[in-house]
Amino acid sequence: MEAEYQKFTAALHKLGHFTQDQISLLLKRIQIQKVSKGEHLLEPGQICSGIFFVQEGSLTHYNLYDGGETVINLWVEGDWVLEHQSFTLQAPSLNTITAFQNSTLLLITLDDLHKLIAMSPAFFQMGRLLDNDKHLFWNDPRTSPEERYLTLMKQRPEVLRTFPLKYIASYLGMVPETLSRVRRTIKDGD
């Protein structure tokens, strides 16, 4: 069973040190969830009651407002997924998480996470996921559009290969025309 979860266990080891016994305990508690393209994993008003790991596929995390949407995060294979505020406060979400592609997710419920922590304090290391809000960088007004795009190219190139430019532009906090200009500038600079 553990061989099929190599990506998952590799992602766990990035959070901290887990023994083989602790990984086995965790693997016994995960649930496999399949989500079809376009299907919502979380909708406004629902409470995020778990942490997901993208085994296969991709998801979008966005906020709808009058006349449009703002992309908060884009997740691909190997990423951890959660609606941070809803999960930590156990409050209704204001945002939506939707499968961009058919996806297979591994779910650790909040209840199971508490049970694991009761068994071993090592599972407190998973709390690092709560500090892992990558999208906060994109909203930093001190960074230029070029810096944001170059950082995305370097840190998460798979996002650029997976999602359309309009999603990426919104994720980076810019309009599609700005993203097109940035991409031209970077390409011309090569």
Protein backbone atom coordinates (compact mmCIF):
# COMPACT_ATOMS: atom_id res chain seq x y z
CA MET A 1 0.00 0.00 0.00
CA GLU A 2 2.77 2.47 0.86
CA ALA A 3 4.42 2.23 -2.58
CA GLU A 4 1.38 3.80 -4.25
CA TYR A 5 1.61 6.74 -1.83
CA GLN A 6 5.25 7.66 -2.46
CA LYS A 7 4.38 11.26 -3.46
CA PHE A 8 2.34 11.61 -0.31
CA THR A 9 5.06 10.28 1.97
CA ALA A 10 7.67 12.45 0.22
CA ALA A 11 5.46 15.50 0.87
CA LEU A 12 5.14 14.45 4.53
CA HIS A 13 8.91 14.31 4.90
CA LYS A 14 9.09 17.92 3.68
CA LEU A 15 6.98 18.88 6.71
CA GLY A 16 9.23 17.16 9.22
CA HIS A 17 10.56 13.82 10.40
CA PHE A 18 8.07 10.96 10.53
CA THR A 19 9.00 7.38 11.39
CA GLN A 20 7.78 4.50 9.25
CA ASP A 21 5.31 3.56 12.02
CA GLN A 22 3.90 7.10 12.08
CA ILE A 23 3.51 7.11 8.30
CA SER A 24 1.73 3.75 8.50
CA LEU A 25 -0.64 5.17 11.16
CA LEU A 26 -1.41 8.10 8.91
CA LEU A 27 -1.92 5.95 5.82
CA LYS A 28 -4.49 3.88 7.71
CA ARG A 29 -6.53 7.03 8.34
CA ILE A 30 -6.44 8.69 4.93
CA GLN A 31 -9.49 8.53 2.71
CA ILE A 32 -9.32 8.51 -1.08
CA GLN A 33 -11.63 11.00 -2.72
CA LYS A 34 -12.16 11.28 -6.47
CA VAL A 35 -13.40 14.58 -7.84
CA SER A 36 -14.52 15.04 -11.45
CA LYS A 37 -13.52 18.02 -13.56
CA GLY A 38 -15.77 20.96 -12.63
CA GLU A 39 -16.98 19.35 -9.40
CA HIS A 40 -16.78 21.45 -6.25
CA LEU A 41 -14.72 20.14 -3.37
CA LEU A 42 -15.82 23.06 -1.19
CA GLU A 43 -18.47 25.72 -1.74
CA PRO A 44 -19.24 28.96 0.08
CA GLY A 45 -21.08 28.20 3.30
CA GLN A 46 -19.46 24.78 3.77
CA ILE A 47 -16.83 24.15 6.44
CA CYS A 48 -13.45 22.77 5.40
CA SER A 49 -13.10 19.79 7.71
CA GLY A 50 -9.92 18.26 6.34
CA ILE A 51 -6.61 18.59 4.58
CA PHE A 52 -6.30 17.15 1.09
CA PHE A 53 -3.26 15.99 -0.84
CA VAL A 54 -3.41 16.03 -4.65
CA GLN A 55 -2.40 12.53 -5.72
CA GLU A 56 -3.45 13.23 -9.34
CA GLY A 57 -5.07 16.17 -11.09
CA SER A 58 -5.43 19.86 -10.29
CA LEU A 59 -7.76 22.22 -8.46
CA THR A 60 -8.61 25.91 -8.35
CA HIS A 61 -9.35 27.94 -5.21
CA TYR A 62 -11.27 31.13 -5.90
CA ASN A 63 -13.62 33.77 -4.58
CA LEU A 64 -16.67 34.85 -6.55
CA TYR A 65 -17.73 38.48 -6.41
CA ASP A 66 -20.13 40.64 -8.41
CA GLY A 67 -19.12 40.20 -12.00
CA GLY A 68 -16.10 37.96 -11.62
CA GLU A 69 -13.80 35.74 -9.66
CA THR A 70 -10.39 36.06 -8.04
CA VAL A 71 -8.12 33.04 -8.07
CA ILE A 72 -6.63 32.50 -4.62
CA ASN A 73 -4.62 29.37 -5.30
CA LEU A 74 -3.89 26.82 -8.01
CA TRP A 75 -3.00 23.32 -6.89
CA VAL A 76 -1.39 20.51 -8.86
CA GLU A 77 -0.17 17.00 -8.18
CA GLY A 78 1.88 16.88 -4.98
CA ASP A 79 0.25 19.94 -3.37
CA TRP A 80 -1.61 20.15 -0.06
CA VAL A 81 -5.09 21.65 -0.32
CA LEU A 82 -7.19 23.37 2.29
CA GLU A 83 -9.34 26.45 2.76
CA HIS A 84 -7.15 27.95 5.46
CA GLN A 85 -9.57 30.25 7.29
CA SER A 86 -12.50 27.83 7.19
CA PHE A 87 -10.31 24.97 8.41
CA THR A 88 -8.58 26.81 11.26
CA LEU A 89 -11.72 28.56 12.54
CA GLN A 90 -14.10 25.73 11.58
CA ALA A 91 -16.27 28.45 10.06
CA PRO A 92 -18.20 28.53 6.77
CA SER A 93 -16.00 29.15 3.76
CA LEU A 94 -16.35 32.30 1.69
CA ASN A 95 -14.48 30.64 -1.18
CA THR A 96 -14.79 27.74 -3.59
CA ILE A 97 -12.44 24.86 -4.41
CA THR A 98 -13.15 23.16 -7.73
CA ALA A 99 -11.47 20.36 -9.66
CA PHE A 100 -9.84 21.79 -12.78
CA GLN A 101 -9.11 18.24 -13.98
CA ASN A 102 -10.37 14.86 -12.83
CA SER A 103 -8.50 14.49 -9.56
CA THR A 104 -7.65 11.89 -6.94
CA LEU A 105 -7.20 13.34 -3.49
CA LEU A 106 -6.06 11.90 -0.19
CA LEU A 107 -8.06 13.32 2.72
CA ILE A 108 -7.05 13.61 6.37
CA THR A 109 -10.04 14.81 8.36
CA LEU A 110 -9.63 17.23 11.23
CA ASP A 111 -11.01 14.56 13.56
CA ASP A 112 -8.42 12.01 12.37
CA LEU A 113 -5.66 14.59 12.65
CA HIS A 114 -6.62 15.18 16.30
CA LYS A 115 -6.58 11.42 16.93
CA LEU A 116 -3.14 11.12 15.34
CA ILE A 117 -1.78 13.99 17.44
CA ALA A 118 -3.14 12.24 20.55
CA MET A 119 -1.16 9.12 19.51
CA SER A 120 2.07 10.98 18.76
CA PRO A 121 3.10 14.62 19.09
CA ALA A 122 5.09 14.12 15.87
CA PHE A 123 1.85 14.82 14.00
CA PHE A 124 1.97 18.42 15.23
CA GLN A 125 4.48 18.84 12.37
CA MET A 126 1.52 18.77 10.00
CA GLY A 127 0.61 22.16 11.43
CA ARG A 128 3.22 23.57 9.04
CA LEU A 129 0.58 23.15 6.36
CA LEU A 130 -1.33 25.96 8.02
CA ASP A 131 1.61 28.30 7.48
CA ASN A 132 1.96 27.29 3.86
CA ASP A 133 -0.24 29.93 2.22
CA LYS A 134 1.77 30.33 -1.00
CA HIS A 135 -0.78 32.69 -2.49
CA LEU A 136 0.09 35.43 0.00
CA PHE A 137 3.23 36.26 -2.01
CA TRP A 138 1.19 37.11 -5.07
CA ASN A 139 -0.79 39.74 -3.20
CA ASP A 140 2.30 41.60 -1.99
CA PRO A 141 2.19 45.06 -3.63
CA ARG A 142 5.96 45.41 -3.14
CA THR A 143 6.63 42.83 -5.87
CA SER A 144 6.44 43.73 -9.53
CA PRO A 145 4.41 41.67 -12.00
CA GLU A 146 7.70 40.45 -13.49
CA GLU A 147 8.98 39.30 -10.08
CA ARG A 148 5.74 37.43 -9.39
CA TYR A 149 5.82 35.66 -12.75
CA LEU A 150 9.52 34.77 -12.52
CA THR A 151 9.03 33.40 -9.00
CA LEU A 152 6.11 31.29 -10.21
CA MET A 153 8.23 30.03 -13.13
CA LYS A 154 10.99 29.03 -10.74
CA GLN A 155 8.97 27.65 -7.80
CA ARG A 156 5.89 26.18 -9.45
CA PRO A 157 6.44 25.65 -13.20
CA GLU A 158 3.81 22.89 -13.26
CA VAL A 159 1.15 25.53 -12.55
CA LEU A 160 2.16 27.32 -15.76
CA ARG A 161 1.87 24.05 -17.70
CA THR A 162 -1.53 23.15 -16.25
CA PHE A 163 -3.72 26.25 -16.09
CA PRO A 164 -4.87 28.78 -18.71
CA LEU A 165 -3.31 32.24 -18.66
CA LYS A 166 -6.46 33.94 -17.33
CA TYR A 167 -6.26 31.77 -14.17
CA ILE A 168 -2.55 32.45 -13.79
CA ALA A 169 -3.04 36.21 -14.24
CA SER A 170 -5.71 36.30 -11.54
CA TYR A 171 -3.55 34.13 -9.25
CA LEU A 172 -0.67 36.58 -9.68
CA GLY A 173 -2.93 39.57 -9.02
CA MET A 174 -2.84 41.06 -12.51
CA VAL A 175 -5.05 41.34 -15.55
CA PRO A 176 -4.39 39.01 -18.52
CA GLU A 177 -3.01 41.89 -20.62
CA THR A 178 -0.34 42.60 -17.99
CA LEU A 179 0.59 38.93 -17.87
CA SER A 180 0.92 38.87 -21.67
CA ARG A 181 3.21 41.93 -21.53
CA VAL A 182 5.30 40.35 -18.75
CA ARG A 183 5.67 37.10 -20.69
CA ARG A 184 6.72 39.01 -23.85
CA THR A 185 9.27 41.05 -21.86
CA ILE A 186 10.74 37.93 -20.27
CA LYS A 187 10.82 36.06 -23.58
CA ASP A 188 12.50 39.01 -25.34
CA GLY A 189 15.04 39.22 -22.51
CA ASP A 190 16.18 35.60 -23.02
